Amino acid sequence: MKKKKLLKRLIILLIAIYFIFTLINQQKTLNQYSRNSEELNTKIAEAEEEKEELTNQKDNVDSLEFIEQTARDMLDMYYPNERVYINQGM
């Protein structure tokens, strides 16, 4: 009789330990998923900002101001009779 009670208590204790162990592991997994989700949301926000900047740049590519600025910056082109001053102190 005592052996049966002891066996029942041991089985219940083992089940409780298994339940607690499983619960802790699941919580760790959920925490990891939460961190991954936050990182991915941050990356998505950064990608959306970059997409918006590129869209704005694409819209401005055909504008006269963009063409003029690109010619000045990348090709060192200037209007005729335009004086360009270069600051040697930089």
N, C-alpha and C. Protein backbone atom coordinates (compact mmCIF):
# COMPACT_ATOMS: atom_id res chain seq x y z
N MET A 1 0.82 -1.20 0.00
CA MET A 1 0.00 0.00 0.00
C MET A 1 0.86 1.26 0.00
N LYS A 2 1.88 1.30 0.86
CA LYS A 2 2.75 2.45 0.93
C LYS A 2 3.56 2.58 -0.36
N LYS A 3 3.90 1.44 -0.96
CA LYS A 3 4.66 1.47 -2.19
C LYS A 3 3.84 2.09 -3.32
N LYS A 4 2.54 1.81 -3.35
CA LYS A 4 1.68 2.38 -4.38
C LYS A 4 1.56 3.89 -4.22
N LYS A 5 1.41 4.35 -2.96
CA LYS A 5 1.32 5.79 -2.70
C LYS A 5 2.64 6.47 -3.07
N LEU A 6 3.73 5.82 -2.70
CA LEU A 6 5.03 6.37 -3.01
C LEU A 6 5.25 6.42 -4.52
N LEU A 7 4.83 5.38 -5.21
CA LEU A 7 4.95 5.33 -6.66
C LEU A 7 4.09 6.41 -7.31
N LYS A 8 2.87 6.61 -6.85
CA LYS A 8 1.98 7.65 -7.37
C LYS A 8 2.59 9.03 -7.17
N ARG A 9 3.12 9.28 -5.97
CA ARG A 9 3.73 10.58 -5.69
C ARG A 9 4.97 10.81 -6.56
N LEU A 10 5.73 9.76 -6.77
CA LEU A 10 6.92 9.87 -7.60
C LEU A 10 6.53 10.17 -9.05
N ILE A 11 5.51 9.51 -9.54
CA ILE A 11 5.04 9.76 -10.90
C ILE A 11 4.51 11.18 -11.03
N ILE A 12 3.73 11.62 -10.06
CA ILE A 12 3.20 13.00 -10.07
C ILE A 12 4.34 14.01 -10.02
N LEU A 13 5.35 13.75 -9.20
CA LEU A 13 6.51 14.63 -9.09
C LEU A 13 7.26 14.69 -10.42
N LEU A 14 7.46 13.56 -11.05
CA LEU A 14 8.15 13.53 -12.34
C LEU A 14 7.36 14.28 -13.42
N ILE A 15 6.06 14.12 -13.41
CA ILE A 15 5.21 14.84 -14.37
C ILE A 15 5.30 16.34 -14.11
N ALA A 16 5.29 16.74 -12.86
CA ALA A 16 5.39 18.17 -12.51
C ALA A 16 6.74 18.73 -12.95
N ILE A 17 7.81 17.99 -12.73
CA ILE A 17 9.14 18.44 -13.13
C ILE A 17 9.21 18.56 -14.65
N TYR A 18 8.67 17.57 -15.35
CA TYR A 18 8.66 17.62 -16.81
C TYR A 18 7.86 18.83 -17.29
N PHE A 19 6.71 19.09 -16.67
CA PHE A 19 5.87 20.23 -17.03
C PHE A 19 6.61 21.54 -16.82
N ILE A 20 7.28 21.69 -15.70
CA ILE A 20 8.02 22.92 -15.40
C ILE A 20 9.18 23.09 -16.37
N PHE A 21 9.91 22.02 -16.65
CA PHE A 21 11.02 22.07 -17.59
C PHE A 21 10.53 22.48 -18.98
N THR A 22 9.43 21.91 -19.42
CA THR A 22 8.86 22.24 -20.72
C THR A 22 8.41 23.69 -20.76
N LEU A 23 7.79 24.15 -19.71
CA LEU A 23 7.32 25.53 -19.63
C LEU A 23 8.48 26.52 -19.72
N ILE A 24 9.57 26.22 -19.02
CA ILE A 24 10.74 27.10 -19.05
C ILE A 24 11.34 27.14 -20.46
N ASN A 25 11.47 25.99 -21.10
CA ASN A 25 12.02 25.96 -22.46
C ASN A 25 11.13 26.71 -23.45
N GLN A 26 9.84 26.58 -23.31
CA GLN A 26 8.93 27.30 -24.20
C GLN A 26 9.03 28.80 -23.98
N GLN A 27 9.20 29.22 -22.74
CA GLN A 27 9.35 30.65 -22.45
C GLN A 27 10.63 31.20 -23.08
N LYS A 28 11.72 30.42 -23.00
CA LYS A 28 12.96 30.84 -23.64
C LYS A 28 12.78 30.99 -25.14
N THR A 29 12.08 30.03 -25.74
CA THR A 29 11.83 30.08 -27.17
C THR A 29 10.99 31.30 -27.54
N LEU A 30 9.95 31.58 -26.76
CA LEU A 30 9.11 32.74 -27.02
C LEU A 30 9.90 34.04 -26.90
N ASN A 31 10.78 34.12 -25.91
CA ASN A 31 11.61 35.32 -25.75
C ASN A 31 12.52 35.51 -26.96
N GLN A 32 13.10 34.42 -27.46
CA GLN A 32 13.96 34.50 -28.63
C GLN A 32 13.17 34.96 -29.85
N TYR A 33 11.98 34.41 -30.03
CA TYR A 33 11.12 34.83 -31.15
C TYR A 33 10.75 36.30 -31.04
N SER A 34 10.51 36.75 -29.83
CA SER A 34 10.17 38.16 -29.62
C SER A 34 11.34 39.06 -30.00
N ARG A 35 12.56 38.69 -29.60
CA ARG A 35 13.74 39.48 -29.96
C ARG A 35 13.94 39.48 -31.47
N ASN A 36 13.78 38.32 -32.09
CA ASN A 36 13.92 38.24 -33.55
C ASN A 36 12.88 39.11 -34.24
N SER A 37 11.68 39.11 -33.72
CA SER A 37 10.61 39.91 -34.30
C SER A 37 10.94 41.40 -34.21
N GLU A 38 11.45 41.83 -33.08
CA GLU A 38 11.82 43.24 -32.92
C GLU A 38 12.93 43.63 -33.89
N GLU A 39 13.93 42.76 -34.03
CA GLU A 39 15.03 43.05 -34.96
C GLU A 39 14.52 43.13 -36.40
N LEU A 40 13.64 42.21 -36.77
CA LEU A 40 13.10 42.22 -38.13
C LEU A 40 12.23 43.45 -38.37
N ASN A 41 11.46 43.86 -37.37
CA ASN A 41 10.64 45.07 -37.52
C ASN A 41 11.53 46.30 -37.71
N THR A 42 12.65 46.34 -37.00
CA THR A 42 13.59 47.46 -37.17
C THR A 42 14.17 47.46 -38.58
N LYS A 43 14.56 46.28 -39.06
CA LYS A 43 15.11 46.18 -40.42
C LYS A 43 14.06 46.57 -41.46
N ILE A 44 12.81 46.19 -41.23
CA ILE A 44 11.73 46.55 -42.16
C ILE A 44 11.56 48.06 -42.19
N ALA A 45 11.58 48.69 -41.02
CA ALA A 45 11.43 50.15 -40.97
C ALA A 45 12.57 50.84 -41.70
N GLU A 46 13.80 50.34 -41.50
CA GLU A 46 14.95 50.93 -42.20
C GLU A 46 14.83 50.74 -43.71
N ALA A 47 14.39 49.57 -44.13
CA ALA A 47 14.24 49.30 -45.56
C ALA A 47 13.16 50.19 -46.16
N GLU A 48 12.07 50.43 -45.42
CA GLU A 48 11.01 51.30 -45.92
C GLU A 48 11.50 52.74 -46.06
N GLU A 49 12.32 53.20 -45.10
CA GLU A 49 12.88 54.54 -45.20
C GLU A 49 13.80 54.65 -46.42
N GLU A 50 14.63 53.64 -46.62
CA GLU A 50 15.53 53.64 -47.78
C GLU A 50 14.73 53.60 -49.08
N LYS A 51 13.66 52.83 -49.08
CA LYS A 51 12.80 52.74 -50.28
C LYS A 51 12.19 54.11 -50.58
N GLU A 52 11.75 54.80 -49.54
CA GLU A 52 11.16 56.13 -49.73
C GLU A 52 12.18 57.12 -50.27
N GLU A 53 13.41 57.06 -49.74
CA GLU A 53 14.46 57.95 -50.23
C GLU A 53 14.77 57.65 -51.70
N LEU A 54 14.86 56.37 -52.04
CA LEU A 54 15.15 56.00 -53.42
C LEU A 54 14.01 56.39 -54.35
N THR A 55 12.78 56.28 -53.88
CA THR A 55 11.63 56.69 -54.68
C THR A 55 11.67 58.19 -54.94
N ASN A 56 11.99 58.95 -53.90
CA ASN A 56 12.11 60.41 -54.07
C ASN A 56 13.24 60.74 -55.04
N GLN A 57 14.35 60.03 -54.91
CA GLN A 57 15.47 60.28 -55.81
C GLN A 57 15.09 59.91 -57.24
N LYS A 58 14.37 58.81 -57.40
CA LYS A 58 13.94 58.39 -58.74
C LYS A 58 13.02 59.43 -59.36
N ASP A 59 12.14 59.99 -58.54
CA ASP A 59 11.21 61.02 -59.04
C ASP A 59 11.94 62.28 -59.46
N ASN A 60 13.08 62.56 -58.82
CA ASN A 60 13.82 63.78 -59.10
C ASN A 60 14.89 63.62 -60.19
N VAL A 61 15.10 62.42 -60.67
CA VAL A 61 16.17 62.17 -61.64
C VAL A 61 15.98 63.00 -62.90
N ASP A 62 14.77 63.18 -63.36
CA ASP A 62 14.52 63.91 -64.60
C ASP A 62 14.44 65.42 -64.39
N SER A 63 14.57 65.87 -63.17
CA SER A 63 14.45 67.32 -62.94
C SER A 63 15.74 68.02 -63.34
N LEU A 64 15.60 69.25 -63.76
CA LEU A 64 16.74 70.05 -64.20
C LEU A 64 17.73 70.27 -63.05
N GLU A 65 17.21 70.46 -61.84
CA GLU A 65 18.08 70.69 -60.69
C GLU A 65 18.98 69.48 -60.43
N PHE A 66 18.40 68.28 -60.52
CA PHE A 66 19.18 67.07 -60.27
C PHE A 66 20.27 66.90 -61.34
N ILE A 67 19.91 67.11 -62.59
CA ILE A 67 20.87 66.98 -63.68
C ILE A 67 22.00 67.98 -63.51
N GLU A 68 21.64 69.21 -63.18
CA GLU A 68 22.65 70.25 -62.99
C GLU A 68 23.57 69.91 -61.83
N GLN A 69 23.00 69.47 -60.71
CA GLN A 69 23.80 69.14 -59.53
C GLN A 69 24.72 67.95 -59.81
N THR A 70 24.22 66.96 -60.53
CA THR A 70 25.03 65.80 -60.88
C THR A 70 26.18 66.21 -61.80
N ALA A 71 25.92 67.05 -62.76
CA ALA A 71 26.97 67.53 -63.66
C ALA A 71 28.03 68.30 -62.89
N ARG A 72 27.62 69.10 -61.93
CA ARG A 72 28.58 69.87 -61.14
C ARG A 72 29.40 68.95 -60.23
N ASP A 73 28.74 68.05 -59.52
CA ASP A 73 29.43 67.22 -58.53
C ASP A 73 30.29 66.13 -59.14
N MET A 74 29.75 65.42 -60.10
CA MET A 74 30.44 64.24 -60.62
C MET A 74 31.30 64.52 -61.85
N LEU A 75 30.89 65.47 -62.65
CA LEU A 75 31.60 65.72 -63.91
C LEU A 75 32.38 67.02 -63.91
N ASP A 76 32.32 67.77 -62.82
CA ASP A 76 32.98 69.07 -62.72
C ASP A 76 32.62 69.97 -63.89
N MET A 77 31.37 69.99 -64.24
CA MET A 77 30.89 70.84 -65.34
C MET A 77 30.24 72.09 -64.74
N TYR A 78 30.46 73.21 -65.41
CA TYR A 78 29.90 74.48 -64.94
C TYR A 78 29.40 75.27 -66.13
N TYR A 79 28.60 76.29 -65.86
CA TYR A 79 28.12 77.16 -66.93
C TYR A 79 29.28 77.97 -67.50
N PRO A 80 29.17 78.33 -68.78
CA PRO A 80 30.21 79.21 -69.34
C PRO A 80 30.23 80.54 -68.58
N ASN A 81 31.40 81.10 -68.41
CA ASN A 81 31.61 82.37 -67.70
C ASN A 81 31.24 82.28 -66.22
N GLU A 82 31.15 81.09 -65.69
CA GLU A 82 30.84 80.93 -64.26
C GLU A 82 32.17 80.77 -63.52
N ARG A 83 32.31 81.51 -62.44
CA ARG A 83 33.53 81.42 -61.66
C ARG A 83 33.32 80.40 -60.54
N VAL A 84 34.29 79.54 -60.41
CA VAL A 84 34.25 78.52 -59.37
C VAL A 84 35.39 78.79 -58.41
N TYR A 85 35.07 78.91 -57.15
CA TYR A 85 36.09 79.15 -56.13
C TYR A 85 36.27 77.88 -55.33
N ILE A 86 37.52 77.51 -55.14
CA ILE A 86 37.85 76.31 -54.37
C ILE A 86 38.52 76.75 -53.10
N ASN A 87 38.00 76.31 -52.00
CA ASN A 87 38.54 76.66 -50.69
C ASN A 87 39.73 75.74 -50.40
N GLN A 88 40.92 76.29 -50.38
CA GLN A 88 42.13 75.51 -50.13
C GLN A 88 42.31 75.17 -48.65
N GLY A 89 41.59 75.82 -47.80
CA GLY A 89 41.75 75.63 -46.36
C GLY A 89 41.12 74.36 -45.82
N MET A 90 40.40 73.63 -46.62
CA MET A 90 39.73 72.43 -46.13
C MET A 90 40.65 71.28 -45.99
